[in-house]
Amino acid sequence: MKLVKAISIALLPLALAACSGTKVNKTVDRGFDAKHLSQLKAGIWVDPRGCDHWIIDDGVEGYLSARLDKYGKPVCSGIAPPNTANGAFKSGSTFGDTI
């Protein structure tokens, strides 16, 4: 038990060092065809529970964010069956799909 506690205390500074506080602007695509995400078109992916998620695929990277109403609750519109993607979520990319 003392060994586990000693290892935990020794590793604590390493864990805290990972929290550098550096903020990264996640609205900017930093890939091969880098551009602001507002220049790409989003589609909707319906999760297994039937709730919507915004999706963008620029050919190399993909982006996903839960679709929320103004109160922060998930939107489950019924636009498509579960596990289905809809929309032109690959539009706006100048980089072809690598797969």
PDB file of N, CA and C in Angstrom:
ATOM      1  N   MET A   1       0.824  -1.190   0.000  1.00  0.00           N
ATOM      2  CA  MET A   1       0.000   0.000   0.000  1.00  0.00           C
ATOM      3  C   MET A   1       0.867   1.252   0.000  1.00  0.00           C
ATOM      4  N   LYS A   2       1.972   1.240   0.798  1.00  0.00           N
ATOM      5  CA  LYS A   2       2.865   2.396   0.855  1.00  0.00           C
ATOM      6  C   LYS A   2       3.538   2.631  -0.486  1.00  0.00           C
ATOM      7  N   LEU A   3       3.863   1.549  -1.197  1.00  0.00           N
ATOM      8  CA  LEU A   3       4.509   1.671  -2.501  1.00  0.00           C
ATOM      9  C   LEU A   3       3.561   2.336  -3.509  1.00  0.00           C
ATOM     10  N   VAL A   4       2.298   1.931  -3.509  1.00  0.00           N
ATOM     11  CA  VAL A   4       1.308   2.515  -4.412  1.00  0.00           C
ATOM     12  C   VAL A   4       1.150   4.003  -4.117  1.00  0.00           C
ATOM     13  N   LYS A   5       1.099   4.356  -2.847  1.00  0.00           N
ATOM     14  CA  LYS A   5       0.958   5.757  -2.454  1.00  0.00           C
ATOM     15  C   LYS A   5       2.183   6.556  -2.881  1.00  0.00           C
ATOM     16  N   ALA A   6       3.364   5.997  -2.725  1.00  0.00           N
ATOM     17  CA  ALA A   6       4.601   6.682  -3.095  1.00  0.00           C
ATOM     18  C   ALA A   6       4.666   6.896  -4.606  1.00  0.00           C
ATOM     19  N   ILE A   7       4.256   5.900  -5.367  1.00  0.00           N
ATOM     20  CA  ILE A   7       4.254   6.038  -6.825  1.00  0.00           C
ATOM     21  C   ILE A   7       3.243   7.092  -7.252  1.00  0.00           C
ATOM     22  N   SER A   8       2.071   7.087  -6.620  1.00  0.00           N
ATOM     23  CA  SER A   8       1.045   8.072  -6.939  1.00  0.00           C
ATOM     24  C   SER A   8       1.539   9.482  -6.671  1.00  0.00           C
ATOM     25  N   ILE A   9       2.182   9.692  -5.556  1.00  0.00           N
ATOM     26  CA  ILE A   9       2.715  11.020  -5.201  1.00  0.00           C
ATOM     27  C   ILE A   9       3.827  11.414  -6.163  1.00  0.00           C
ATOM     28  N   ALA A  10       4.661  10.458  -6.572  1.00  0.00           N
ATOM     29  CA  ALA A  10       5.758  10.749  -7.490  1.00  0.00           C
ATOM     30  C   ALA A  10       5.248  11.132  -8.877  1.00  0.00           C
ATOM     31  N   LEU A  11       4.132  10.550  -9.297  1.00  0.00           N
ATOM     32  CA  LEU A  11       3.598  10.824 -10.627  1.00  0.00           C
ATOM     33  C   LEU A  11       2.692  12.053 -10.679  1.00  0.00           C
ATOM     34  N   LEU A  12       2.299  12.580  -9.549  1.00  0.00           N
ATOM     35  CA  LEU A  12       1.408  13.737  -9.505  1.00  0.00           C
ATOM     36  C   LEU A  12       1.960  14.940 -10.275  1.00  0.00           C
ATOM     37  N   PRO A  13       3.234  15.329 -10.108  1.00  0.00           N
ATOM     38  CA  PRO A  13       3.737  16.469 -10.881  1.00  0.00           C
ATOM     39  C   PRO A  13       3.664  16.256 -12.392  1.00  0.00           C
ATOM     40  N   LEU A  14       3.856  15.027 -12.843  1.00  0.00           N
ATOM     41  CA  LEU A  14       3.750  14.741 -14.276  1.00  0.00           C
ATOM     42  C   LEU A  14       2.318  14.927 -14.762  1.00  0.00           C
ATOM     43  N   ALA A  15       1.369  14.484 -13.974  1.00  0.00           N
ATOM     44  CA  ALA A  15      -0.041  14.639 -14.349  1.00  0.00           C
ATOM     45  C   ALA A  15      -0.421  16.109 -14.399  1.00  0.00           C
ATOM     46  N   LEU A  16       0.039  16.879 -13.447  1.00  0.00           N
ATOM     47  CA  LEU A  16      -0.278  18.305 -13.426  1.00  0.00           C
ATOM     48  C   LEU A  16       0.426  19.066 -14.548  1.00  0.00           C
ATOM     49  N   ALA A  17       1.597  18.604 -14.955  1.00  0.00           N
ATOM     50  CA  ALA A  17       2.333  19.255 -16.044  1.00  0.00           C
ATOM     51  C   ALA A  17       1.565  19.145 -17.357  1.00  0.00           C
ATOM     52  N   ALA A  18       0.743  18.121 -17.507  1.00  0.00           N
ATOM     53  CA  ALA A  18      -0.044  17.952 -18.726  1.00  0.00           C
ATOM     54  C   ALA A  18      -1.106  19.027 -18.857  1.00  0.00           C
ATOM     55  N   CYS A  19      -1.466  19.679 -17.775  1.00  0.00           N
ATOM     56  CA  CYS A  19      -2.459  20.756 -17.794  1.00  0.00           C
ATOM     57  C   CYS A  19      -1.741  22.081 -17.988  1.00  0.00           C
ATOM     58  N   SER A  20      -1.227  22.306 -19.164  1.00  0.00           N
ATOM     59  CA  SER A  20      -0.398  23.485 -19.407  1.00  0.00           C
ATOM     60  C   SER A  20      -1.196  24.780 -19.480  1.00  0.00           C
ATOM     61  N   GLY A  21      -2.503  24.678 -19.734  1.00  0.00           N
ATOM     62  CA  GLY A  21      -3.310  25.884 -19.828  1.00  0.00           C
ATOM     63  C   GLY A  21      -3.280  26.506 -21.211  1.00  0.00           C
ATOM     64  N   THR A  22      -2.555  25.922 -22.143  1.00  0.00           N
ATOM     65  CA  THR A  22      -2.504  26.447 -23.493  1.00  0.00           C
ATOM     66  C   THR A  22      -3.837  26.186 -24.177  1.00  0.00           C
ATOM     67  N   LYS A  23      -4.440  27.256 -24.725  1.00  0.00           N
ATOM     68  CA  LYS A  23      -5.719  27.117 -25.403  1.00  0.00           C
ATOM     69  C   LYS A  23      -5.493  27.078 -26.903  1.00  0.00           C
ATOM     70  N   VAL A  24      -6.224  26.198 -27.575  1.00  0.00           N
ATOM     71  CA  VAL A  24      -6.121  26.046 -29.016  1.00  0.00           C
ATOM     72  C   VAL A  24      -7.469  26.394 -29.631  1.00  0.00           C
ATOM     73  N   ASN A  25      -7.454  27.212 -30.680  1.00  0.00           N
ATOM     74  CA  ASN A  25      -8.682  27.564 -31.380  1.00  0.00           C
ATOM     75  C   ASN A  25      -9.141  26.358 -32.180  1.00  0.00           C
ATOM     76  N   LYS A  26     -10.202  25.695 -31.747  1.00  0.00           N
ATOM     77  CA  LYS A  26     -10.654  24.476 -32.398  1.00  0.00           C
ATOM     78  C   LYS A  26     -11.650  24.748 -33.515  1.00  0.00           C
ATOM     79  N   THR A  27     -11.864  26.020 -33.878  1.00  0.00           N
ATOM     80  CA  THR A  27     -12.731  26.340 -35.008  1.00  0.00           C
ATOM     81  C   THR A  27     -11.938  26.452 -36.292  1.00  0.00           C
ATOM     82  N   VAL A  28     -10.632  26.218 -36.232  1.00  0.00           N
ATOM     83  CA  VAL A  28      -9.774  26.323 -37.410  1.00  0.00           C
ATOM     84  C   VAL A  28      -9.219  24.949 -37.755  1.00  0.00           C
ATOM     85  N   ASP A  29      -9.363  24.591 -39.024  1.00  0.00           N
ATOM     86  CA  ASP A  29      -8.815  23.335 -39.535  1.00  0.00           C
ATOM     87  C   ASP A  29      -7.336  23.553 -39.787  1.00  0.00           C
ATOM     88  N   ARG A  30      -6.482  22.751 -39.186  1.00  0.00           N
ATOM     89  CA  ARG A  30      -5.044  22.901 -39.363  1.00  0.00           C
ATOM     90  C   ARG A  30      -4.464  21.796 -40.250  1.00  0.00           C
ATOM     91  N   GLY A  31      -5.310  21.196 -41.083  1.00  0.00           N
ATOM     92  CA  GLY A  31      -4.883  20.102 -41.940  1.00  0.00           C
ATOM     93  C   GLY A  31      -4.290  20.580 -43.248  1.00  0.00           C
ATOM     94  N   PHE A  32      -4.292  19.687 -44.242  1.00  0.00           N
ATOM     95  CA  PHE A  32      -3.683  19.963 -45.544  1.00  0.00           C
ATOM     96  C   PHE A  32      -4.361  21.126 -46.273  1.00  0.00           C
ATOM     97  N   ASP A  33      -5.665  21.224 -46.183  1.00  0.00           N
ATOM     98  CA  ASP A  33      -6.387  22.315 -46.849  1.00  0.00           C
ATOM     99  C   ASP A  33      -6.968  23.252 -45.790  1.00  0.00           C
ATOM    100  N   ALA A  34      -6.115  23.719 -44.891  1.00  0.00           N
ATOM    101  CA  ALA A  34      -6.519  24.479 -43.717  1.00  0.00           C
ATOM    102  C   ALA A  34      -7.412  25.665 -44.071  1.00  0.00           C
ATOM    103  N   LYS A  35      -8.510  25.778 -43.370  1.00  0.00           N
ATOM    104  CA  LYS A  35      -9.444  26.898 -43.499  1.00  0.00           C
ATOM    105  C   LYS A  35     -10.353  26.900 -42.278  1.00  0.00           C
ATOM    106  N   HIS A  36     -11.056  27.992 -42.079  1.00  0.00           N
ATOM    107  CA  HIS A  36     -11.998  28.073 -40.964  1.00  0.00           C
ATOM    108  C   HIS A  36     -13.137  27.086 -41.220  1.00  0.00           C
ATOM    109  N   LEU A  37     -13.597  26.416 -40.178  1.00  0.00           N
ATOM    110  CA  LEU A  37     -14.630  25.394 -40.341  1.00  0.00           C
ATOM    111  C   LEU A  37     -15.935  25.951 -40.886  1.00  0.00           C
ATOM    112  N   SER A  38     -16.164  27.249 -40.762  1.00  0.00           N
ATOM    113  CA  SER A  38     -17.392  27.843 -41.302  1.00  0.00           C
ATOM    114  C   SER A  38     -17.403  27.786 -42.832  1.00  0.00           C
ATOM    115  N   GLN A  39     -16.253  27.533 -43.451  1.00  0.00           N
ATOM    116  CA  GLN A  39     -16.185  27.426 -44.910  1.00  0.00           C
ATOM    117  C   GLN A  39     -16.528  26.016 -45.395  1.00  0.00           C
ATOM    118  N   LEU A  40     -16.670  25.082 -44.491  1.00  0.00           N
ATOM    119  CA  LEU A  40     -17.040  23.715 -44.841  1.00  0.00           C
ATOM    120  C   LEU A  40     -18.519  23.516 -44.527  1.00  0.00           C
ATOM    121  N   LYS A  41     -19.145  22.556 -45.190  1.00  0.00           N
ATOM    122  CA  LYS A  41     -20.566  22.295 -44.963  1.00  0.00           C
ATOM    123  C   LYS A  41     -20.724  21.144 -43.974  1.00  0.00           C
ATOM    124  N   ALA A  42     -21.618  21.322 -43.050  1.00  0.00           N
ATOM    125  CA  ALA A  42     -21.880  20.291 -42.047  1.00  0.00           C
ATOM    126  C   ALA A  42     -23.079  19.454 -42.461  1.00  0.00           C
ATOM    127  N   GLY A  43     -23.042  18.199 -42.093  1.00  0.00           N
ATOM    128  CA  GLY A  43     -24.175  17.306 -42.254  1.00  0.00           C
ATOM    129  C   GLY A  43     -24.632  16.866 -40.873  1.00  0.00           C
ATOM    130  N   ILE A  44     -25.540  15.945 -40.836  1.00  0.00           N
ATOM    131  CA  ILE A  44     -26.037  15.435 -39.552  1.00  0.00           C
ATOM    132  C   ILE A  44     -25.859  13.924 -39.514  1.00  0.00           C
ATOM    133  N   TRP A  45     -25.245  13.447 -38.437  1.00  0.00           N
ATOM    134  CA  TRP A  45     -25.161  12.022 -38.166  1.00  0.00           C
ATOM    135  C   TRP A  45     -26.107  11.742 -37.014  1.00  0.00           C
ATOM    136  N   VAL A  46     -26.924  10.701 -37.150  1.00  0.00           N
ATOM    137  CA  VAL A  46     -27.865  10.313 -36.100  1.00  0.00           C
ATOM    138  C   VAL A  46     -27.250   9.155 -35.324  1.00  0.00           C
ATOM    139  N   ASP A  47     -27.081   9.371 -34.017  1.00  0.00           N
ATOM    140  CA  ASP A  47     -26.442   8.345 -33.185  1.00  0.00           C
ATOM    141  C   ASP A  47     -27.405   7.181 -32.911  1.00  0.00           C
ATOM    142  N   PRO A  48     -26.923   6.102 -32.270  1.00  0.00           N
ATOM    143  CA  PRO A  48     -27.779   4.938 -32.019  1.00  0.00           C
ATOM    144  C   PRO A  48     -29.029   5.247 -31.193  1.00  0.00           C
ATOM    145  N   ARG A  49     -29.006   6.332 -30.405  1.00  0.00           N
ATOM    146  CA  ARG A  49     -30.183   6.711 -29.608  1.00  0.00           C
ATOM    147  C   ARG A  49     -31.158   7.572 -30.391  1.00  0.00           C
ATOM    148  N   GLY A  50     -30.771   7.980 -31.635  1.00  0.00           N
ATOM    149  CA  GLY A  50     -31.654   8.803 -32.457  1.00  0.00           C
ATOM    150  C   GLY A  50     -31.402  10.291 -32.329  1.00  0.00           C
ATOM    151  N   CYS A  51     -30.309  10.695 -31.670  1.00  0.00           N
ATOM    152  CA  CYS A  51     -30.011  12.120 -31.496  1.00  0.00           C
ATOM    153  C   CYS A  51     -29.010  12.594 -32.554  1.00  0.00           C
ATOM    154  N   ASP A  52     -29.121  13.883 -32.906  1.00  0.00           N
ATOM    155  CA  ASP A  52     -28.352  14.462 -34.000  1.00  0.00           C
ATOM    156  C   ASP A  52     -26.990  14.963 -33.554  1.00  0.00           C
ATOM    157  N   HIS A  53     -26.022  14.872 -34.473  1.00  0.00           N
ATOM    158  CA  HIS A  53     -24.676  15.412 -34.268  1.00  0.00           C
ATOM    159  C   HIS A  53     -24.251  16.096 -35.557  1.00  0.00           C
ATOM    160  N   TRP A  54     -23.651  17.293 -35.455  1.00  0.00           N
ATOM    161  CA  TRP A  54     -23.094  17.958 -36.626  1.00  0.00           C
ATOM    162  C   TRP A  54     -21.820  17.219 -37.019  1.00  0.00           C
ATOM    163  N   ILE A  55     -21.634  16.964 -38.319  1.00  0.00           N
ATOM    164  CA  ILE A  55     -20.420  16.309 -38.794  1.00  0.00           C
ATOM    165  C   ILE A  55     -19.852  17.058 -39.987  1.00  0.00           C
ATOM    166  N   ILE A  56     -18.527  17.073 -40.072  1.00  0.00           N
ATOM    167  CA  ILE A  56     -17.812  17.623 -41.229  1.00  0.00           C
ATOM    168  C   ILE A  56     -16.673  16.656 -41.523  1.00  0.00           C
ATOM    169  N   ASP A  57     -16.480  16.352 -42.799  1.00  0.00           N
ATOM    170  CA  ASP A  57     -15.370  15.487 -43.214  1.00  0.00           C
ATOM    171  C   ASP A  57     -14.621  16.212 -44.316  1.00  0.00           C
ATOM    172  N   ASP A  58     -13.372  16.609 -44.047  1.00  0.00           N
ATOM    173  CA  ASP A  58     -12.615  17.322 -45.087  1.00  0.00           C
ATOM    174  C   ASP A  58     -11.676  16.398 -45.846  1.00  0.00           C
ATOM    175  N   GLY A  59     -11.853  15.092 -45.707  1.00  0.00           N
ATOM    176  CA  GLY A  59     -11.049  14.136 -46.451  1.00  0.00           C
ATOM    177  C   GLY A  59      -9.915  13.550 -45.649  1.00  0.00           C
ATOM    178  N   VAL A  60      -9.352  14.308 -44.730  1.00  0.00           N
ATOM    179  CA  VAL A  60      -8.256  13.826 -43.894  1.00  0.00           C
ATOM    180  C   VAL A  60      -8.707  13.776 -42.447  1.00  0.00           C
ATOM    181  N   GLU A  61      -9.384  14.829 -42.028  1.00  0.00           N
ATOM    182  CA  GLU A  61      -9.850  14.927 -40.645  1.00  0.00           C
ATOM    183  C   GLU A  61     -11.371  14.943 -40.639  1.00  0.00           C
ATOM    184  N   GLY A  62     -11.929  14.600 -39.518  1.00  0.00           N
ATOM    185  CA  GLY A  62     -13.370  14.671 -39.353  1.00  0.00           C
ATOM    186  C   GLY A  62     -13.704  15.425 -38.078  1.00  0.00           C
ATOM    187  N   TYR A  63     -14.843  16.054 -38.075  1.00  0.00           N
ATOM    188  CA  TYR A  63     -15.282  16.838 -36.927  1.00  0.00           C
ATOM    189  C   TYR A  63     -16.695  16.397 -36.560  1.00  0.00           C
ATOM    190  N   LEU A  64     -16.973  16.313 -35.270  1.00  0.00           N
ATOM    191  CA  LEU A  64     -18.277  15.893 -34.787  1.00  0.00           C
ATOM    192  C   LEU A  64     -18.608  16.698 -33.546  1.00  0.00           C
ATOM    193  N   SER A  65     -19.828  17.178 -33.480  1.00  0.00           N
ATOM    194  CA  SER A  65     -20.283  17.922 -32.312  1.00  0.00           C
ATOM    195  C   SER A  65     -21.765  17.630 -32.109  1.00  0.00           C
ATOM    196  N   ALA A  66     -22.158  17.413 -30.871  1.00  0.00           N
ATOM    197  CA  ALA A  66     -23.568  17.152 -30.583  1.00  0.00           C
ATOM    198  C   ALA A  66     -24.411  18.360 -30.989  1.00  0.00           C
ATOM    199  N   ARG A  67     -25.542  18.115 -31.584  1.00  0.00           N
ATOM    200  CA  ARG A  67     -26.479  19.185 -31.947  1.00  0.00           C
ATOM    201  C   ARG A  67     -27.355  19.441 -30.727  1.00  0.00           C
ATOM    202  N   LEU A  68     -27.277  20.651 -30.201  1.00  0.00           N
ATOM    203  CA  LEU A  68     -27.975  20.995 -28.964  1.00  0.00           C
ATOM    204  C   LEU A  68     -28.981  22.113 -29.202  1.00  0.00           C
ATOM    205  N   ASP A  69     -30.057  22.112 -28.417  1.00  0.00           N
ATOM    206  CA  ASP A  69     -31.002  23.223 -28.498  1.00  0.00           C
ATOM    207  C   ASP A  69     -30.488  24.387 -27.660  1.00  0.00           C
ATOM    208  N   LYS A  70     -31.239  25.477 -27.606  1.00  0.00           N
ATOM    209  CA  LYS A  70     -30.760  26.674 -26.894  1.00  0.00           C
ATOM    210  C   LYS A  70     -30.624  26.460 -25.386  1.00  0.00           C
ATOM    211  N   TYR A  71     -31.170  25.372 -24.875  1.00  0.00           N
ATOM    212  CA  TYR A  71     -31.049  25.055 -23.458  1.00  0.00           C
ATOM    213  C   TYR A  71     -29.939  24.041 -23.175  1.00  0.00           C
ATOM    214  N   GLY A  72     -29.234  23.613 -24.227  1.00  0.00           N
ATOM    215  CA  GLY A  72     -28.135  22.665 -24.068  1.00  0.00           C
ATOM    216  C   GLY A  72     -28.560  21.207 -24.064  1.00  0.00           C
ATOM    217  N   LYS A  73     -29.802  20.946 -24.435  1.00  0.00           N
ATOM    218  CA  LYS A  73     -30.290  19.560 -24.481  1.00  0.00           C
ATOM    219  C   LYS A  73     -30.110  19.004 -25.888  1.00  0.00           C
ATOM    220  N   PRO A  74     -29.850  17.691 -26.020  1.00  0.00           N
ATOM    221  CA  PRO A  74     -29.660  17.087 -27.343  1.00  0.00           C
ATOM    222  C   PRO A  74     -30.891  17.238 -28.233  1.00  0.00           C
ATOM    223  N   VAL A  75     -30.654  17.465 -29.528  1.00  0.00           N
ATOM    224  CA  VAL A  75     -31.723  17.511 -30.515  1.00  0.00           C
ATOM    225  C   VAL A  75     -31.834  16.116 -31.123  1.00  0.00           C
ATOM    226  N   CYS A  76     -33.017  15.552 -31.084  1.00  0.00           N
ATOM    227  CA  CYS A  76     -33.288  14.236 -31.661  1.00  0.00           C
ATOM    228  C   CYS A  76     -34.439  14.430 -32.646  1.00  0.00           C
ATOM    229  N   SER A  77     -34.101  14.903 -33.856  1.00  0.00           N
ATOM    230  CA  SER A  77     -35.098  15.367 -34.814  1.00  0.00           C
ATOM    231  C   SER A  77     -35.837  14.259 -35.552  1.00  0.00           C
ATOM    232  N   GLY A  78     -35.257  13.061 -35.632  1.00  0.00           N
ATOM    233  CA  GLY A  78     -35.886  11.994 -36.401  1.00  0.00           C
ATOM    234  C   GLY A  78     -35.661  12.151 -37.896  1.00  0.00           C
ATOM    235  N   ILE A  79     -34.658  12.952 -38.280  1.00  0.00           N
ATOM    236  CA  ILE A  79     -34.364  13.210 -39.689  1.00  0.00           C
ATOM    237  C   ILE A  79     -33.978  11.946 -40.450  1.00  0.00           C
ATOM    238  N   ALA A  80     -33.435  10.960 -39.744  1.00  0.00           N
ATOM    239  CA  ALA A  80     -32.989   9.714 -40.378  1.00  0.00           C
ATOM    240  C   ALA A  80     -32.936   8.607 -39.341  1.00  0.00           C
ATOM    241  N   PRO A  81     -32.824   7.364 -39.799  1.00  0.00           N
ATOM    242  CA  PRO A  81     -32.692   6.255 -38.852  1.00  0.00           C
ATOM    243  C   PRO A  81     -31.370   6.346 -38.087  1.00  0.00           C
ATOM    244  N   PRO A  82     -31.282   5.719 -36.932  1.00  0.00           N
ATOM    245  CA  PRO A  82     -30.024   5.711 -36.172  1.00  0.00           C
ATOM    246  C   PRO A  82     -28.853   5.193 -37.010  1.00  0.00           C
ATOM    247  N   ASN A  83     -27.654   5.705 -36.691  1.00  0.00           N
ATOM    248  CA  ASN A  83     -26.397   5.345 -37.366  1.00  0.00           C
ATOM    249  C   ASN A  83     -26.388   5.720 -38.843  1.00  0.00           C
ATOM    250  N   THR A  84     -27.045   6.831 -39.186  1.00  0.00           N
ATOM    251  CA  THR A  84     -27.098   7.305 -40.567  1.00  0.00           C
ATOM    252  C   THR A  84     -26.550   8.719 -40.644  1.00  0.00           C
ATOM    253  N   ALA A  85     -25.788   9.007 -41.702  1.00  0.00           N
ATOM    254  CA  ALA A  85     -25.276  10.357 -41.942  1.00  0.00           C
ATOM    255  C   ALA A  85     -26.041  10.966 -43.110  1.00  0.00           C
ATOM    256  N   ASN A  86     -26.391  12.249 -42.984  1.00  0.00           N
ATOM    257  CA  ASN A  86     -27.130  12.967 -44.015  1.00  0.00           C
ATOM    258  C   ASN A  86     -26.464  14.294 -44.318  1.00  0.00           C
ATOM    259  N   GLY A  87     -26.619  14.760 -45.530  1.00  0.00           N
ATOM    260  CA  GLY A  87     -26.143  16.093 -45.879  1.00  0.00           C
ATOM    261  C   GLY A  87     -24.835  16.068 -46.647  1.00  0.00           C
ATOM    262  N   ALA A  88     -24.439  17.265 -47.069  1.00  0.00           N
ATOM    263  CA  ALA A  88     -23.222  17.435 -47.874  1.00  0.00           C
ATOM    264  C   ALA A  88     -22.020  17.696 -46.977  1.00  0.00           C
ATOM    265  N   PHE A  89     -21.777  16.812 -46.017  1.00  0.00           N
ATOM    266  CA  PHE A  89     -20.736  17.037 -45.014  1.00  0.00           C
ATOM    267  C   PHE A  89     -19.323  16.894 -45.561  1.00  0.00           C
ATOM    268  N   LYS A  90     -19.174  16.504 -46.823  1.00  0.00           N
ATOM    269  CA  LYS A  90     -17.848  16.448 -47.445  1.00  0.00           C
ATOM    270  C   LYS A  90     -17.634  17.639 -48.377  1.00  0.00           C
ATOM    271  N   SER A  91     -18.613  18.535 -48.492  1.00  0.00           N
ATOM    272  CA  SER A  91     -18.499  19.693 -49.379  1.00  0.00           C
ATOM    273  C   SER A  91     -17.580  20.747 -48.806  1.00  0.00           C
ATOM    274  N   GLY A  92     -16.917  21.474 -49.686  1.00  0.00           N
ATOM    275  CA  GLY A  92     -16.030  22.551 -49.259  1.00  0.00           C
ATOM    276  C   GLY A  92     -14.599  22.126 -49.121  1.00  0.00           C
ATOM    277  N   SER A  93     -14.322  20.843 -49.241  1.00  0.00           N
ATOM    278  CA  SER A  93     -12.960  20.352 -49.122  1.00  0.00           C
ATOM    279  C   SER A  93     -12.305  20.305 -50.496  1.00  0.00           C
ATOM    280  N   THR A  94     -11.040  20.664 -50.542  1.00  0.00           N
ATOM    281  CA  THR A  94     -10.283  20.560 -51.796  1.00  0.00           C
ATOM    282  C   THR A  94      -9.374  19.336 -51.767  1.00  0.00           C
ATOM    283  N   PHE A  95      -9.430  18.583 -50.691  1.00  0.00           N
ATOM    284  CA  PHE A  95      -8.577  17.413 -50.519  1.00  0.00           C
ATOM    285  C   PHE A  95      -9.447  16.177 -50.680  1.00  0.00           C
ATOM    286  N   GLY A  96      -9.082  15.290 -51.578  1.00  0.00           N
ATOM    287  CA  GLY A  96      -9.864  14.073 -51.808  1.00  0.00           C
ATOM    288  C   GLY A  96      -9.818  13.124 -50.632  1.00  0.00           C
ATOM    289  N   ASP A  97     -10.782  12.271 -50.562  1.00  0.00           N
ATOM    290  CA  ASP A  97     -10.841  11.282 -49.482  1.00  0.00           C
ATOM    291  C   ASP A  97      -9.678  10.316 -49.642  1.00  0.00           C
ATOM    292  N   THR A  98      -8.936  10.096 -48.564  1.00  0.00           N
ATOM    293  CA  THR A  98      -7.734   9.258 -48.619  1.00  0.00           C
ATOM    294  C   THR A  98      -8.035   7.770 -48.574  1.00  0.00           C
ATOM    295  N   ILE A  99      -9.260   7.413 -48.281  1.00  0.00           N
ATOM    296  CA  ILE A  99      -9.597   5.982 -48.164  1.00  0.00           C
ATOM    297  C   ILE A  99     -10.314   5.500 -49.395  1.00  0.00           C
TER     298      ILE A  99
END
